[in-house]
C-alpha atoms as a PDB file:
ATOM      1  CA  PRO A   1     -12.979  22.492  14.701  1.00  0.00           C
ATOM      2  CA  TYR A   2     -12.327  22.784  18.060  1.00  0.00           C
ATOM      3  CA  LEU A   3      -9.581  20.003  18.869  1.00  0.00           C
ATOM      4  CA  ARG A   4      -5.880  20.130  18.294  1.00  0.00           C
ATOM      5  CA  ALA A   5      -4.698  16.968  16.499  1.00  0.00           C
ATOM      6  CA  LEU A   6      -1.165  15.327  17.225  1.00  0.00           C
ATOM      7  CA  TYR A   7       0.301  12.744  15.169  1.00  0.00           C
ATOM      8  CA  LEU A   8       3.031  10.344  15.488  1.00  0.00           C
ATOM      9  CA  ASP A   9       5.782  10.956  12.995  1.00  0.00           C
ATOM     10  CA  SER A  10       5.543   8.414  10.145  1.00  0.00           C
ATOM     11  CA  ARG A  11       8.969   7.783  10.239  1.00  0.00           C
ATOM     12  CA  ALA A  12       8.969   6.584  13.961  1.00  0.00           C
ATOM     13  CA  ILE A  13       5.840   4.247  13.069  1.00  0.00           C
ATOM     14  CA  MET A  14       6.964   2.707   9.757  1.00  0.00           C
ATOM     15  CA  ASN A  15      10.989   2.372  11.608  1.00  0.00           C
ATOM     16  CA  ALA A  16      12.459   2.991   8.348  1.00  0.00           C
ATOM     17  CA  VAL A  17      15.209   0.303   8.587  1.00  0.00           C
ATOM     18  CA  ASP A  18      17.397  -1.331   5.663  1.00  0.00           C
ATOM     19  CA  PRO A  19      14.583  -2.927   3.268  1.00  0.00           C
ATOM     20  CA  GLY A  20      16.421  -6.157   3.726  1.00  0.00           C
ATOM     21  CA  LYS A  21      16.290  -6.308   7.404  1.00  0.00           C
ATOM     22  CA  GLN A  22      13.842  -7.491  10.127  1.00  0.00           C
ATOM     23  CA  ARG A  23      12.072  -4.552  12.014  1.00  0.00           C
ATOM     24  CA  GLU A  24      13.700  -5.413  15.289  1.00  0.00           C
ATOM     25  CA  ALA A  25      12.145  -2.259  17.069  1.00  0.00           C
ATOM     26  CA  PRO A  26       8.505  -2.306  18.185  1.00  0.00           C
ATOM     27  CA  TYR A  27       5.673  -0.729  16.394  1.00  0.00           C
ATOM     28  CA  LEU A  28       5.005   2.420  18.772  1.00  0.00           C
ATOM     29  CA  PRO A  29       8.710   3.275  19.868  1.00  0.00           C
ATOM     30  CA  ARG A  30       8.754   4.407  23.219  1.00  0.00           C
ATOM     31  CA  GLU A  31      10.550   7.845  22.295  1.00  0.00           C
ATOM     32  CA  ALA A  32       8.228   8.626  19.484  1.00  0.00           C
ATOM     33  CA  VAL A  33       5.404   8.086  21.982  1.00  0.00           C
ATOM     34  CA  SER A  34       6.983  10.236  24.539  1.00  0.00           C
ATOM     35  CA  GLU A  35       7.639  13.187  22.457  1.00  0.00           C
ATOM     36  CA  LEU A  36       4.259  12.856  21.030  1.00  0.00           C
ATOM     37  CA  LEU A  37       2.922  13.296  24.529  1.00  0.00           C
ATOM     38  CA  ARG A  38       5.508  15.897  25.817  1.00  0.00           C
ATOM     39  CA  ASN A  39       4.180  17.630  22.817  1.00  0.00           C
ATOM     40  CA  ALA A  40       0.341  17.444  23.570  1.00  0.00           C
ATOM     41  CA  VAL A  41       1.105  18.959  27.332  1.00  0.00           C
ATOM     42  CA  ARG A  42       2.765  21.996  25.500  1.00  0.00           C
ATOM     43  CA  VAL A  43      -0.168  22.538  23.040  1.00  0.00           C
ATOM     44  CA  PHE A  44      -2.661  22.057  25.671  1.00  0.00           C
ATOM     45  CA  SER A  45      -0.423  24.073  28.307  1.00  0.00           C
ATOM     46  CA  ASP A  46       0.070  27.035  25.665  1.00  0.00           C
ATOM     47  CA  GLY A  47      -3.173  26.996  23.625  1.00  0.00           C
ATOM     48  CA  PHE A  48      -3.920  26.968  20.409  1.00  0.00           C
ATOM     49  CA  PRO A  49      -6.586  28.648  18.247  1.00  0.00           C
ATOM     50  CA  VAL A  50     -10.230  27.973  18.209  1.00  0.00           C
ATOM     51  CA  PRO A  51     -11.484  27.163  15.545  1.00  0.00           C
ATOM     52  CA  VAL A  52      -8.364  25.718  14.539  1.00  0.00           C
ATOM     53  CA  PRO A  53      -6.943  25.655  11.023  1.00  0.00           C
ATOM     54  CA  VAL A  54      -7.916  23.299   8.590  1.00  0.00           C
ATOM     55  CA  GLU A  55      -4.559  22.761   7.681  1.00  0.00           C
ATOM     56  CA  GLU A  56      -2.620  22.260  11.496  1.00  0.00           C
ATOM     57  CA  ASN A  57      -4.844  19.483  12.287  1.00  0.00           C
ATOM     58  CA  LEU A  58      -3.589  17.395   9.440  1.00  0.00           C
ATOM     59  CA  SER A  59      -0.994  14.747   9.724  1.00  0.00           C
ATOM     60  CA  VAL A  60       1.995  15.646   7.215  1.00  0.00           C
ATOM     61  CA  GLU A  61       0.373  13.125   5.056  1.00  0.00           C
ATOM     62  CA  GLY A  62      -3.087  15.337   4.686  1.00  0.00           C
ATOM     63  CA  ARG A  63      -0.738  18.568   4.554  1.00  0.00           C
ATOM     64  CA  ILE A  64       0.851  16.517   1.568  1.00  0.00           C
ATOM     65  CA  VAL A  65      -2.292  15.707  -0.254  1.00  0.00           C
ATOM     66  CA  PHE A  66      -3.779  18.949   0.608  1.00  0.00           C
ATOM     67  CA  GLU A  67      -1.234  21.018  -0.797  1.00  0.00           C
ATOM     68  CA  LEU A  68      -1.034  18.218  -4.050  1.00  0.00           C
ATOM     69  CA  CYS A  69      -4.683  19.450  -4.371  1.00  0.00           C
ATOM     70  CA  ARG A  70      -3.698  23.331  -4.181  1.00  0.00           C
ATOM     71  CA  ILE A  71      -1.077  22.884  -6.513  1.00  0.00           C
ATOM     72  CA  ASP A  72      -2.901  20.319  -9.147  1.00  0.00           C
ATOM     73  CA  PRO A  73      -7.084  21.224  -8.677  1.00  0.00           C
ATOM     74  CA  ALA A  74      -7.776  18.735 -11.832  1.00  0.00           C
ATOM     75  CA  THR A  75      -6.045  16.040 -10.882  1.00  0.00           C
ATOM     76  CA  CYS A  76      -7.418  16.329  -7.155  1.00  0.00           C
ATOM     77  CA  SER A  77     -10.995  16.928  -8.783  1.00  0.00           C
ATOM     78  CA  LEU A  78     -10.521  13.460 -10.752  1.00  0.00           C
ATOM     79  CA  ALA A  79      -9.176  11.656  -7.369  1.00  0.00           C
ATOM     80  CA  TYR A  80     -11.723  12.595  -5.528  1.00  0.00           C
ATOM     81  CA  PHE A  81     -14.411  11.481  -8.070  1.00  0.00           C
ATOM     82  CA  GLN A  82     -12.877   8.248  -8.695  1.00  0.00           C
ATOM     83  CA  VAL A  83     -12.260   7.735  -4.868  1.00  0.00           C
ATOM     84  CA  ASN A  84     -15.939   8.760  -3.827  1.00  0.00           C
ATOM     85  CA  THR A  85     -17.657   7.528  -7.116  1.00  0.00           C
ATOM     86  CA  PHE A  86     -17.870   4.337  -9.424  1.00  0.00           C
ATOM     87  CA  MET A  87     -15.881   6.231 -11.615  1.00  0.00           C
ATOM     88  CA  GLY A  88     -12.417   4.743 -12.514  1.00  0.00           C
ATOM     89  CA  PRO A  89     -10.475   1.892 -10.827  1.00  0.00           C
ATOM     90  CA  GLY A  90     -12.103  -0.066  -8.302  1.00  0.00           C
ATOM     91  CA  ALA A  91      -8.539  -0.001  -6.092  1.00  0.00           C
ATOM     92  CA  CYS A  92      -9.295   3.756  -5.567  1.00  0.00           C
ATOM     93  CA  GLN A  93     -12.508   3.398  -2.947  1.00  0.00           C
ATOM     94  CA  PRO A  94     -10.687   1.191  -0.585  1.00  0.00           C
ATOM     95  CA  ASP A  95      -7.886   3.199  -0.226  1.00  0.00           C
ATOM     96  CA  PRO A  96      -8.568   6.761   0.300  1.00  0.00           C
ATOM     97  CA  TRP A  97      -6.057   7.498   2.890  1.00  0.00           C
ATOM     98  CA  PRO A  98      -3.568   9.784   2.897  1.00  0.00           C
ATOM     99  CA  GLU A  99      -0.944   7.599   3.326  1.00  0.00           C
ATOM    100  CA  GLN A 100      -1.833   5.547   0.445  1.00  0.00           C
ATOM    101  CA  ILE A 101      -1.549   8.631  -1.985  1.00  0.00           C
ATOM    102  CA  VAL A 102       1.403  10.023  -0.327  1.00  0.00           C
ATOM    103  CA  TYR A 103       3.300   6.236  -0.651  1.00  0.00           C
ATOM    104  CA  GLU A 104       1.840   5.393  -3.555  1.00  0.00           C
ATOM    105  CA  VAL A 105       0.670   2.441  -2.280  1.00  0.00           C
ATOM    106  CA  ASP A 106      -2.109   0.014  -4.130  1.00  0.00           C
ATOM    107  CA  GLY A 107      -4.120   1.616  -6.507  1.00  0.00           C
ATOM    108  CA  TRP A 108      -1.924   5.220  -6.675  1.00  0.00           C
ATOM    109  CA  SER A 109       1.081   3.436  -7.049  1.00  0.00           C
ATOM    110  CA  THR A 110       3.060   3.177 -10.629  1.00  0.00           C
ATOM    111  CA  ALA A 111       2.105  -0.552 -11.121  1.00  0.00           C
ATOM    112  CA  GLY A 112      -1.138   0.070 -10.546  1.00  0.00           C
ATOM    113  CA  MET A 113      -4.067  -2.769  -9.758  1.00  0.00           C
ATOM    114  CA  PRO A 114      -5.625  -5.351 -11.951  1.00  0.00           C
ATOM    115  CA  SER A 115      -8.828  -4.196 -13.292  1.00  0.00           C
ATOM    116  CA  GLY A 116     -10.555  -6.784 -15.794  1.00  0.00           C
ATOM    117  CA  ASN A 117      -7.507  -7.106 -18.525  1.00  0.00           C
ATOM    118  CA  GLU A 118      -5.866  -3.909 -17.448  1.00  0.00           C
ATOM    119  CA  LYS A 119      -3.724  -2.158 -14.591  1.00  0.00           C
ATOM    120  CA  VAL A 120      -5.161   0.915 -13.943  1.00  0.00           C
ATOM    121  CA  ASN A 121      -4.374   3.306 -11.295  1.00  0.00           C
ATOM    122  CA  CYS A 122      -5.988   6.479  -8.990  1.00  0.00           C
ATOM    123  CA  ALA A 123      -5.335   9.772 -10.217  1.00  0.00           C
ATOM    124  CA  VAL A 124      -2.330  11.384  -9.042  1.00  0.00           C
ATOM    125  CA  ASN A 125      -0.033  14.146 -10.302  1.00  0.00           C
ATOM    126  CA  ARG A 126       3.573  11.902  -8.910  1.00  0.00           C
ATOM    127  CA  THR A 127       6.168  14.499  -9.510  1.00  0.00           C
ATOM    128  CA  THR A 128       4.245  16.954  -7.484  1.00  0.00           C
ATOM    129  CA  LEU A 129       3.749  14.301  -4.857  1.00  0.00           C
ATOM    130  CA  ARG A 130       7.361  13.277  -4.882  1.00  0.00           C
ATOM    131  CA  HIS A 131       8.490  16.948  -4.598  1.00  0.00           C
ATOM    132  CA  LEU A 132       6.415  17.344  -1.829  1.00  0.00           C
ATOM    133  CA  ARG A 133       7.464  14.170   0.009  1.00  0.00           C
ATOM    134  CA  ARG A 134      10.851  15.466  -0.505  1.00  0.00           C
ATOM    135  CA  LYS A 135       9.873  19.247   0.427  1.00  0.00           C
ATOM    136  CA  TYR A 136       8.250  17.794   3.667  1.00  0.00           C
ATOM    137  CA  GLY A 137      11.635  15.360   4.250  1.00  0.00           C
ATOM    138  CA  LEU A 138       9.446  12.021   3.840  1.00  0.00           C
ATOM    139  CA  PRO A 139      11.170   8.773   2.752  1.00  0.00           C
ATOM    140  CA  GLY A 140       9.259   6.707  -0.044  1.00  0.00           C
ATOM    141  CA  PHE A 141       9.086   3.749   2.138  1.00  0.00           C
ATOM    142  CA  GLY A 142       9.394   1.717  -1.332  1.00  0.00           C
ATOM    143  CA  ALA A 143       7.745   4.102  -3.665  1.00  0.00           C
ATOM    144  CA  PRO A 144       9.686   5.657  -5.891  1.00  0.00           C
ATOM    145  CA  GLU A 145      11.625   8.863  -5.090  1.00  0.00           C
ATOM    146  CA  GLU A 146      12.432   9.881  -8.683  1.00  0.00           C
ATOM    147  CA  ASP A 147      10.517  12.407 -10.806  1.00  0.00           C
ATOM    148  CA  VAL A 148       8.196  10.817 -13.892  1.00  0.00           C
ATOM    149  CA  PRO A 149       9.336  11.874 -17.123  1.00  0.00           C
ATOM    150  CA  LYS A 150       6.562  14.285 -18.718  1.00  0.00           C
ATOM    151  CA  ASP A 151       6.129  12.462 -21.430  1.00  0.00           C
ATOM    152  CA  VAL A 152       5.137   9.641 -19.296  1.00  0.00           C
ATOM    153  CA  ALA A 153       3.362  11.547 -16.829  1.00  0.00           C
ATOM    154  CA  ARG A 154       1.477  13.686 -19.556  1.00  0.00           C
ATOM    155  CA  ALA A 155       0.362   9.665 -21.279  1.00  0.00           C
ATOM    156  CA  GLU A 156      -0.827   8.706 -17.893  1.00  0.00           C
ATOM    157  CA  ALA A 157      -2.733  11.339 -17.686  1.00  0.00           C
ATOM    158  CA  LYS A 158      -3.963  11.149 -21.018  1.00  0.00           C
ATOM    159  CA  ARG A 159      -5.732   7.568 -20.069  1.00  0.00           C
ATOM    160  CA  TRP A 160      -7.324   9.035 -16.671  1.00  0.00           C
ATOM    161  CA  TRP A 161      -9.041  11.952 -18.402  1.00  0.00           C
ATOM    162  CA  GLN A 162      -9.851   9.697 -21.916  1.00  0.00           C
ATOM    163  CA  ARG A 163     -11.929   7.264 -19.607  1.00  0.00           C
ATOM    164  CA  LYS A 164     -15.533   6.781 -21.153  1.00  0.00           C
ATOM    165  CA  GLU A 165     -17.124   7.202 -17.263  1.00  0.00           C
ATOM    166  CA  VAL A 166     -15.229  10.825 -17.061  1.00  0.00           C
ATOM    167  CA  SER A 167     -17.457  12.455 -19.383  1.00  0.00           C
ATOM    168  CA  LYS A 168     -20.488  10.872 -17.414  1.00  0.00           C
ATOM    169  CA  TYR A 169     -19.229  12.935 -14.431  1.00  0.00           C
ATOM    170  CA  VAL A 170     -18.030  16.298 -16.387  1.00  0.00           C
ATOM    171  CA  PRO A 171     -21.809  17.857 -15.936  1.00  0.00           C
ATOM    172  CA  HIS A 172     -21.770  16.836 -12.032  1.00  0.00           C
ATOM    173  CA  GLY A 173     -18.981  18.577 -11.087  1.00  0.00           C
ATOM    174  CA  LEU A 174     -15.782  17.240 -12.646  1.00  0.00           C
ATOM    175  CA  HIS A 175     -15.111  20.531 -14.510  1.00  0.00           C
ATOM    176  CA  ASP A 176     -11.432  21.229 -14.438  1.00  0.00           C
ATOM    177  CA  VAL A 177     -11.052  18.771 -17.398  1.00  0.00           C
ATOM    178  CA  PRO A 178      -7.855  20.150 -19.047  1.00  0.00           C
ATOM    179  CA  PRO A 179      -8.879  21.294 -22.598  1.00  0.00           C
ATOM    180  CA  GLU A 180      -6.373  18.968 -24.445  1.00  0.00           C
ATOM    181  CA  PHE A 181      -7.840  15.668 -22.498  1.00  0.00           C
ATOM    182  CA  HIS A 182     -11.333  16.378 -23.118  1.00  0.00           C
ATOM    183  CA  PRO A 183     -13.098  12.563 -23.606  1.00  0.00           C
END
């Protein structure tokens, strides 16, 4: 809480170019890094509140996940349990980074990850996530941009909430199960 974190813009890191083209620029573009350093000097010179508010110290992807959890705490609670326990898809544990969630990579993607004989996904409210990406001006970097139709989103949510291992965690802190999805 006593340090101020600054982040390089994801668009500069990803060097968003046409998907069919090869990357021509360096991974860390000089101008983007220079701007980040100028910003660091400005923040240091101007000072900042101590302790630093949590949201202010997050990357834009961290802010999106933070806001996503504020908007949909039930799905966020389920995702938290999937990442921090052995509940749900195994792909959720190694991929807990905000960037994985925001850009819908691996277990967070609509394609999901193989688990036994099925493809499974980590819990995320895709429509709200995509709205937040647009709000913060972030491209999907390959993730779908369109909203998920309500019937598809509902079917996906039902699959998450009705997995047998979810009922095991309800007494241990997973209290936000929507009534229509009780296992």
